[in-house]
């Protein structure tokens, strides 16, 4: 069933559903405190095929366990076939990209970042 949400709003809601604040990479609050998620947004037209976007999961911790657990949560939610988010005149199909997740080194060893590849596809319902 279509929704009145824009494609971008549906994706924002999805990224916020993991219990962390989520920001477009170009709009992180100045006072944002880790942990949080940032993501890029790329708009595709209905039926154009996959569009690549990225998300970053940021933690300030000495442990690898917390960011790895959040990656696992995202991976499990997407499953093998992805998820479909109702929006505008169709659905936003969110799937794992390849490679799905990578650890990214930071000059500050207490910052743990996971770079996530995501594929989006914009499908109409008719």
N, C-alpha and C. Protein backbone atom coordinates (compact mmCIF):
# COMPACT_ATOMS: atom_id res chain seq x y z
N UNK A 1 0.84 -1.18 0.00
CA UNK A 1 0.00 0.00 0.00
C UNK A 1 0.88 1.25 0.00
N UNK A 2 0.71 2.15 -0.97
CA UNK A 2 1.52 3.37 -1.00
C UNK A 2 1.32 4.22 0.25
N UNK A 3 2.27 5.07 0.48
CA UNK A 3 2.24 5.97 1.63
C UNK A 3 2.38 7.40 1.10
N UNK A 4 2.03 8.37 1.92
CA UNK A 4 2.22 9.76 1.50
C UNK A 4 3.64 10.24 1.79
N UNK A 5 4.49 9.39 2.37
CA UNK A 5 5.88 9.76 2.64
C UNK A 5 6.67 9.81 1.34
N UNK A 6 7.61 10.75 1.29
CA UNK A 6 8.52 10.76 0.15
C UNK A 6 9.48 9.59 0.28
N UNK A 7 10.19 9.29 -0.79
CA UNK A 7 11.19 8.22 -0.76
C UNK A 7 12.25 8.52 0.31
N UNK A 8 12.70 9.77 0.34
CA UNK A 8 13.74 10.17 1.31
C UNK A 8 13.24 10.05 2.74
N UNK A 9 11.99 10.43 2.99
CA UNK A 9 11.43 10.33 4.35
C UNK A 9 11.28 8.88 4.77
N UNK A 10 10.88 8.01 3.85
CA UNK A 10 10.76 6.59 4.18
C UNK A 10 12.12 6.01 4.55
N UNK A 11 13.17 6.40 3.82
CA UNK A 11 14.51 5.90 4.13
C UNK A 11 15.00 6.46 5.46
N UNK A 12 14.75 7.73 5.73
CA UNK A 12 15.13 8.34 7.01
C UNK A 12 14.47 7.58 8.16
N UNK A 13 13.18 7.29 8.04
CA UNK A 13 12.47 6.54 9.09
C UNK A 13 13.10 5.16 9.29
N UNK A 14 13.46 4.50 8.19
CA UNK A 14 14.09 3.19 8.28
C UNK A 14 15.41 3.29 9.04
N UNK A 15 16.24 4.27 8.69
CA UNK A 15 17.54 4.40 9.35
C UNK A 15 17.38 4.74 10.83
N UNK A 16 16.33 5.46 11.19
CA UNK A 16 16.07 5.79 12.60
C UNK A 16 15.50 4.62 13.38
N UNK A 17 15.11 3.56 12.71
CA UNK A 17 14.44 2.44 13.38
C UNK A 17 15.41 1.51 14.12
N UNK A 18 16.69 1.84 14.13
CA UNK A 18 17.68 0.98 14.77
C UNK A 18 18.10 1.48 16.15
N UNK A 19 17.32 2.41 16.71
CA UNK A 19 17.56 2.85 18.07
C UNK A 19 18.69 3.85 18.23
N UNK A 20 19.19 4.38 17.12
CA UNK A 20 20.22 5.41 17.15
C UNK A 20 19.74 6.61 16.36
N UNK A 21 20.18 7.82 16.70
CA UNK A 21 19.86 8.95 15.84
C UNK A 21 20.45 8.71 14.45
N UNK A 22 19.73 9.13 13.42
CA UNK A 22 20.21 8.97 12.05
C UNK A 22 20.18 10.33 11.37
N UNK A 23 21.26 10.63 10.65
CA UNK A 23 21.39 11.92 9.97
C UNK A 23 21.83 11.70 8.53
N UNK A 24 21.32 12.53 7.64
CA UNK A 24 21.93 12.61 6.32
C UNK A 24 23.38 13.05 6.54
N UNK A 25 24.30 12.51 5.78
CA UNK A 25 25.73 12.81 5.99
C UNK A 25 26.02 14.31 5.91
N UNK A 26 25.19 15.05 5.19
CA UNK A 26 25.39 16.49 5.04
C UNK A 26 24.65 17.30 6.09
N UNK A 27 24.03 16.64 7.06
CA UNK A 27 23.19 17.35 8.03
C UNK A 27 23.35 16.82 9.45
N UNK A 28 24.55 16.46 9.85
CA UNK A 28 24.78 15.97 11.21
C UNK A 28 24.74 17.16 12.17
N UNK A 29 23.95 17.03 13.24
CA UNK A 29 23.87 18.09 14.24
C UNK A 29 25.26 18.39 14.81
N UNK A 30 25.54 19.67 15.04
CA UNK A 30 26.83 20.06 15.61
C UNK A 30 27.06 19.44 16.98
N UNK A 31 25.98 19.22 17.72
CA UNK A 31 26.12 18.65 19.06
C UNK A 31 25.81 17.15 19.10
N UNK A 32 25.84 16.48 17.95
CA UNK A 32 25.56 15.04 17.89
C UNK A 32 26.59 14.27 18.70
N UNK A 33 26.11 13.33 19.47
CA UNK A 33 26.99 12.49 20.29
C UNK A 33 26.87 11.05 19.82
N UNK A 34 28.00 10.39 19.70
CA UNK A 34 28.00 8.99 19.29
C UNK A 34 27.38 8.15 20.40
N UNK A 35 26.67 7.08 20.05
CA UNK A 35 26.57 6.47 18.73
C UNK A 35 25.48 7.13 17.87
N UNK A 36 25.70 7.11 16.57
CA UNK A 36 24.70 7.56 15.61
C UNK A 36 24.99 6.96 14.25
N UNK A 37 24.05 7.16 13.34
CA UNK A 37 24.17 6.68 11.97
C UNK A 37 24.16 7.88 11.04
N UNK A 38 25.03 7.87 10.03
CA UNK A 38 24.94 8.83 8.94
C UNK A 38 24.71 8.05 7.66
N UNK A 39 24.12 8.71 6.68
CA UNK A 39 23.89 8.03 5.40
C UNK A 39 23.91 9.02 4.25
N UNK A 40 24.25 8.52 3.08
CA UNK A 40 24.11 9.31 1.86
C UNK A 40 22.74 9.01 1.27
N UNK A 41 22.24 9.91 0.50
CA UNK A 41 20.96 9.70 -0.17
C UNK A 41 21.15 9.92 -1.65
N UNK A 42 20.62 9.02 -2.44
CA UNK A 42 20.62 9.16 -3.89
C UNK A 42 19.22 8.84 -4.37
N UNK A 43 18.63 9.76 -5.04
CA UNK A 43 17.25 9.60 -5.52
C UNK A 43 17.26 8.91 -6.88
N UNK A 44 16.45 7.90 -7.01
CA UNK A 44 16.28 7.22 -8.29
C UNK A 44 14.85 7.36 -8.77
N UNK A 45 14.67 7.18 -10.05
CA UNK A 45 13.32 7.22 -10.61
C UNK A 45 12.70 5.84 -10.52
N UNK A 46 11.40 5.80 -10.57
CA UNK A 46 10.67 4.55 -10.50
C UNK A 46 11.11 3.66 -11.66
N UNK A 47 11.56 2.43 -11.33
CA UNK A 47 11.91 1.44 -12.35
C UNK A 47 13.30 1.60 -12.94
N UNK A 48 14.13 2.50 -12.44
CA UNK A 48 15.46 2.72 -13.00
C UNK A 48 16.47 1.64 -12.67
N UNK A 49 16.20 0.82 -11.69
CA UNK A 49 17.17 -0.17 -11.26
C UNK A 49 17.86 0.27 -9.98
N UNK A 50 18.81 -0.53 -9.51
CA UNK A 50 19.45 -0.26 -8.22
C UNK A 50 20.25 1.05 -8.19
N UNK A 51 20.21 1.68 -7.03
CA UNK A 51 20.98 2.89 -6.74
C UNK A 51 21.80 2.59 -5.49
N UNK A 52 23.09 2.88 -5.53
CA UNK A 52 23.96 2.62 -4.38
C UNK A 52 23.98 3.81 -3.42
N UNK A 53 23.80 3.52 -2.14
CA UNK A 53 23.96 4.52 -1.08
C UNK A 53 24.81 3.89 0.03
N UNK A 54 25.29 4.73 0.91
CA UNK A 54 26.11 4.24 2.01
C UNK A 54 25.57 4.75 3.33
N UNK A 55 25.82 3.96 4.36
CA UNK A 55 25.53 4.38 5.73
C UNK A 55 26.79 4.14 6.55
N UNK A 56 26.97 4.95 7.55
CA UNK A 56 28.07 4.77 8.49
C UNK A 56 27.48 4.68 9.88
N UNK A 57 27.91 3.69 10.64
CA UNK A 57 27.52 3.55 12.03
C UNK A 57 28.72 3.98 12.86
N UNK A 58 28.51 4.96 13.73
CA UNK A 58 29.59 5.57 14.51
C UNK A 58 29.39 5.29 16.00
N UNK A 59 30.44 4.80 16.64
CA UNK A 59 30.46 4.60 18.09
C UNK A 59 31.76 5.18 18.64
N UNK A 60 31.69 5.65 19.87
CA UNK A 60 32.91 5.98 20.61
C UNK A 60 32.99 4.97 21.73
N UNK A 61 33.89 4.00 21.56
CA UNK A 61 34.01 2.89 22.50
C UNK A 61 35.36 2.22 22.27
N UNK A 62 35.82 1.50 23.24
CA UNK A 62 37.05 0.71 23.09
C UNK A 62 36.75 -0.67 22.52
N UNK A 63 35.47 -1.04 22.53
CA UNK A 63 35.05 -2.37 22.12
C UNK A 63 34.58 -2.41 20.67
N UNK A 64 34.85 -3.50 20.01
CA UNK A 64 34.32 -3.72 18.66
C UNK A 64 32.91 -4.33 18.73
N UNK A 65 32.52 -4.82 19.89
CA UNK A 65 31.27 -5.57 20.02
C UNK A 65 30.03 -4.74 19.69
N UNK A 66 29.95 -3.52 20.20
CA UNK A 66 28.74 -2.71 19.98
C UNK A 66 28.52 -2.37 18.51
N UNK A 67 29.51 -1.83 17.81
CA UNK A 67 29.26 -1.54 16.39
C UNK A 67 29.01 -2.81 15.58
N UNK A 68 29.70 -3.89 15.92
CA UNK A 68 29.46 -5.15 15.20
C UNK A 68 28.04 -5.67 15.43
N UNK A 69 27.53 -5.51 16.64
CA UNK A 69 26.16 -5.94 16.93
C UNK A 69 25.15 -5.10 16.16
N UNK A 70 25.40 -3.81 16.00
CA UNK A 70 24.47 -2.96 15.25
C UNK A 70 24.50 -3.33 13.77
N UNK A 71 25.67 -3.67 13.24
CA UNK A 71 25.76 -4.15 11.85
C UNK A 71 24.96 -5.44 11.69
N UNK A 72 25.09 -6.33 12.66
CA UNK A 72 24.36 -7.60 12.61
C UNK A 72 22.85 -7.36 12.66
N UNK A 73 22.42 -6.39 13.46
CA UNK A 73 20.99 -6.06 13.55
C UNK A 73 20.47 -5.55 12.19
N UNK A 74 21.22 -4.67 11.56
CA UNK A 74 20.84 -4.15 10.25
C UNK A 74 20.81 -5.27 9.22
N UNK A 75 21.83 -6.12 9.23
CA UNK A 75 21.90 -7.23 8.29
C UNK A 75 20.72 -8.17 8.46
N UNK A 76 20.39 -8.49 9.70
CA UNK A 76 19.27 -9.40 9.98
C UNK A 76 17.96 -8.78 9.51
N UNK A 77 17.78 -7.50 9.74
CA UNK A 77 16.54 -6.84 9.32
C UNK A 77 16.40 -6.87 7.80
N UNK A 78 17.50 -6.68 7.07
CA UNK A 78 17.44 -6.70 5.62
C UNK A 78 17.26 -8.12 5.08
N UNK A 79 17.79 -9.10 5.80
CA UNK A 79 17.67 -10.47 5.36
C UNK A 79 18.28 -10.68 3.99
N UNK A 80 17.95 -11.79 3.36
CA UNK A 80 18.51 -12.08 2.04
C UNK A 80 17.83 -11.30 0.93
N UNK A 81 16.56 -10.93 1.12
CA UNK A 81 15.82 -10.28 0.05
C UNK A 81 15.57 -8.80 0.24
N UNK A 82 16.01 -8.24 1.36
CA UNK A 82 15.77 -6.83 1.62
C UNK A 82 14.40 -6.58 2.23
N UNK A 83 14.09 -5.30 2.37
CA UNK A 83 12.79 -4.88 2.89
C UNK A 83 12.20 -3.84 1.95
N UNK A 84 10.88 -3.79 1.90
CA UNK A 84 10.18 -2.82 1.08
C UNK A 84 9.51 -1.80 1.99
N UNK A 85 9.78 -0.53 1.72
CA UNK A 85 9.22 0.56 2.51
C UNK A 85 8.18 1.30 1.67
N UNK A 86 6.92 1.35 2.11
CA UNK A 86 5.91 2.08 1.35
C UNK A 86 6.27 3.57 1.25
N UNK A 87 6.07 4.14 0.09
CA UNK A 87 6.30 5.57 -0.11
C UNK A 87 5.64 6.01 -1.42
N UNK A 88 5.28 7.27 -1.47
CA UNK A 88 4.72 7.91 -2.66
C UNK A 88 3.86 6.95 -3.49
N UNK A 89 4.27 6.66 -4.70
CA UNK A 89 3.45 5.83 -5.59
C UNK A 89 3.93 4.39 -5.65
N UNK A 90 4.70 3.96 -4.64
CA UNK A 90 5.22 2.60 -4.71
C UNK A 90 5.95 2.21 -3.44
N UNK A 91 7.07 1.51 -3.63
CA UNK A 91 7.88 1.08 -2.50
C UNK A 91 9.35 1.36 -2.78
N UNK A 92 10.04 1.59 -1.69
CA UNK A 92 11.49 1.71 -1.72
C UNK A 92 12.03 0.36 -1.26
N UNK A 93 12.70 -0.34 -2.15
CA UNK A 93 13.24 -1.67 -1.85
C UNK A 93 14.67 -1.48 -1.37
N UNK A 94 14.94 -1.81 -0.11
CA UNK A 94 16.25 -1.63 0.52
C UNK A 94 16.92 -2.99 0.67
N UNK A 95 18.13 -3.13 0.09
CA UNK A 95 18.85 -4.40 0.12
C UNK A 95 20.31 -4.18 0.52
N UNK A 96 20.93 -5.28 0.89
CA UNK A 96 22.36 -5.25 1.18
C UNK A 96 23.15 -5.00 -0.10
N UNK A 97 24.17 -4.14 0.01
CA UNK A 97 25.12 -3.97 -1.08
C UNK A 97 26.29 -4.92 -0.84
N UNK A 98 27.30 -4.82 -1.69
CA UNK A 98 28.46 -5.70 -1.55
C UNK A 98 29.75 -4.91 -1.68
N UNK A 99 30.68 -5.10 -0.77
CA UNK A 99 30.52 -5.86 0.47
C UNK A 99 29.54 -5.12 1.38
N UNK A 100 28.88 -5.85 2.23
CA UNK A 100 27.84 -5.22 3.05
C UNK A 100 28.43 -4.26 4.07
N UNK A 101 29.43 -4.68 4.84
CA UNK A 101 29.96 -3.84 5.90
C UNK A 101 31.47 -3.96 5.99
N UNK A 102 32.10 -2.84 6.33
CA UNK A 102 33.55 -2.81 6.52
C UNK A 102 33.87 -1.94 7.73
N UNK A 103 34.86 -2.34 8.49
CA UNK A 103 35.37 -1.48 9.56
C UNK A 103 36.26 -0.42 8.92
N UNK A 104 36.15 0.81 9.42
CA UNK A 104 36.96 1.91 8.90
C UNK A 104 37.83 2.43 10.03
N UNK A 105 39.12 2.51 9.77
CA UNK A 105 40.07 2.98 10.77
C UNK A 105 39.92 4.48 10.98
N UNK A 106 40.12 4.93 12.20
CA UNK A 106 40.06 6.35 12.55
C UNK A 106 41.32 6.71 13.32
N UNK A 107 41.76 7.96 13.21
CA UNK A 107 42.95 8.41 13.95
C UNK A 107 42.73 8.27 15.45
N UNK A 108 41.49 8.40 15.89
CA UNK A 108 41.13 8.22 17.29
C UNK A 108 40.70 6.77 17.48
N UNK A 109 41.48 5.97 18.17
CA UNK A 109 41.18 4.55 18.33
C UNK A 109 39.88 4.27 19.07
N UNK A 110 39.33 5.27 19.75
CA UNK A 110 38.06 5.05 20.44
C UNK A 110 36.87 5.23 19.50
N UNK A 111 37.10 5.74 18.31
CA UNK A 111 36.02 5.88 17.33
C UNK A 111 35.97 4.61 16.48
N UNK A 112 34.83 3.96 16.53
CA UNK A 112 34.60 2.75 15.74
C UNK A 112 33.54 3.09 14.69
N UNK A 113 33.92 2.93 13.44
CA UNK A 113 33.02 3.25 12.33
C UNK A 113 32.84 2.03 11.45
N UNK A 114 31.59 1.80 11.06
CA UNK A 114 31.28 0.71 10.13
C UNK A 114 30.65 1.33 8.88
N UNK A 115 31.27 1.07 7.74
CA UNK A 115 30.81 1.57 6.45
C UNK A 115 29.92 0.51 5.83
N UNK A 116 28.67 0.86 5.54
CA UNK A 116 27.67 -0.09 5.09
C UNK A 116 27.25 0.25 3.66
N UNK A 117 27.29 -0.73 2.77
CA UNK A 117 26.82 -0.56 1.40
C UNK A 117 25.37 -1.03 1.30
N UNK A 118 24.54 -0.18 0.74
CA UNK A 118 23.11 -0.45 0.61
C UNK A 118 22.68 -0.19 -0.83
N UNK A 119 21.80 -1.04 -1.33
CA UNK A 119 21.19 -0.81 -2.63
C UNK A 119 19.73 -0.42 -2.43
N UNK A 120 19.31 0.61 -3.15
CA UNK A 120 17.91 1.02 -3.14
C UNK A 120 17.34 0.81 -4.54
N UNK A 121 16.09 0.42 -4.58
CA UNK A 121 15.40 0.34 -5.86
C UNK A 121 14.01 0.92 -5.66
N UNK A 122 13.57 1.70 -6.61
CA UNK A 122 12.30 2.41 -6.53
C UNK A 122 11.31 1.71 -7.46
N UNK A 123 10.28 1.09 -6.88
CA UNK A 123 9.33 0.29 -7.64
C UNK A 123 7.91 0.82 -7.47
N UNK A 124 7.20 0.94 -8.58
CA UNK A 124 5.80 1.31 -8.51
C UNK A 124 4.97 0.08 -8.20
N UNK A 125 3.78 0.29 -7.74
CA UNK A 125 2.92 -0.83 -7.37
C UNK A 125 2.00 -1.26 -8.50
N UNK A 126 2.10 -0.64 -9.63
CA UNK A 126 1.27 -1.07 -10.76
C UNK A 126 2.07 -1.20 -12.00
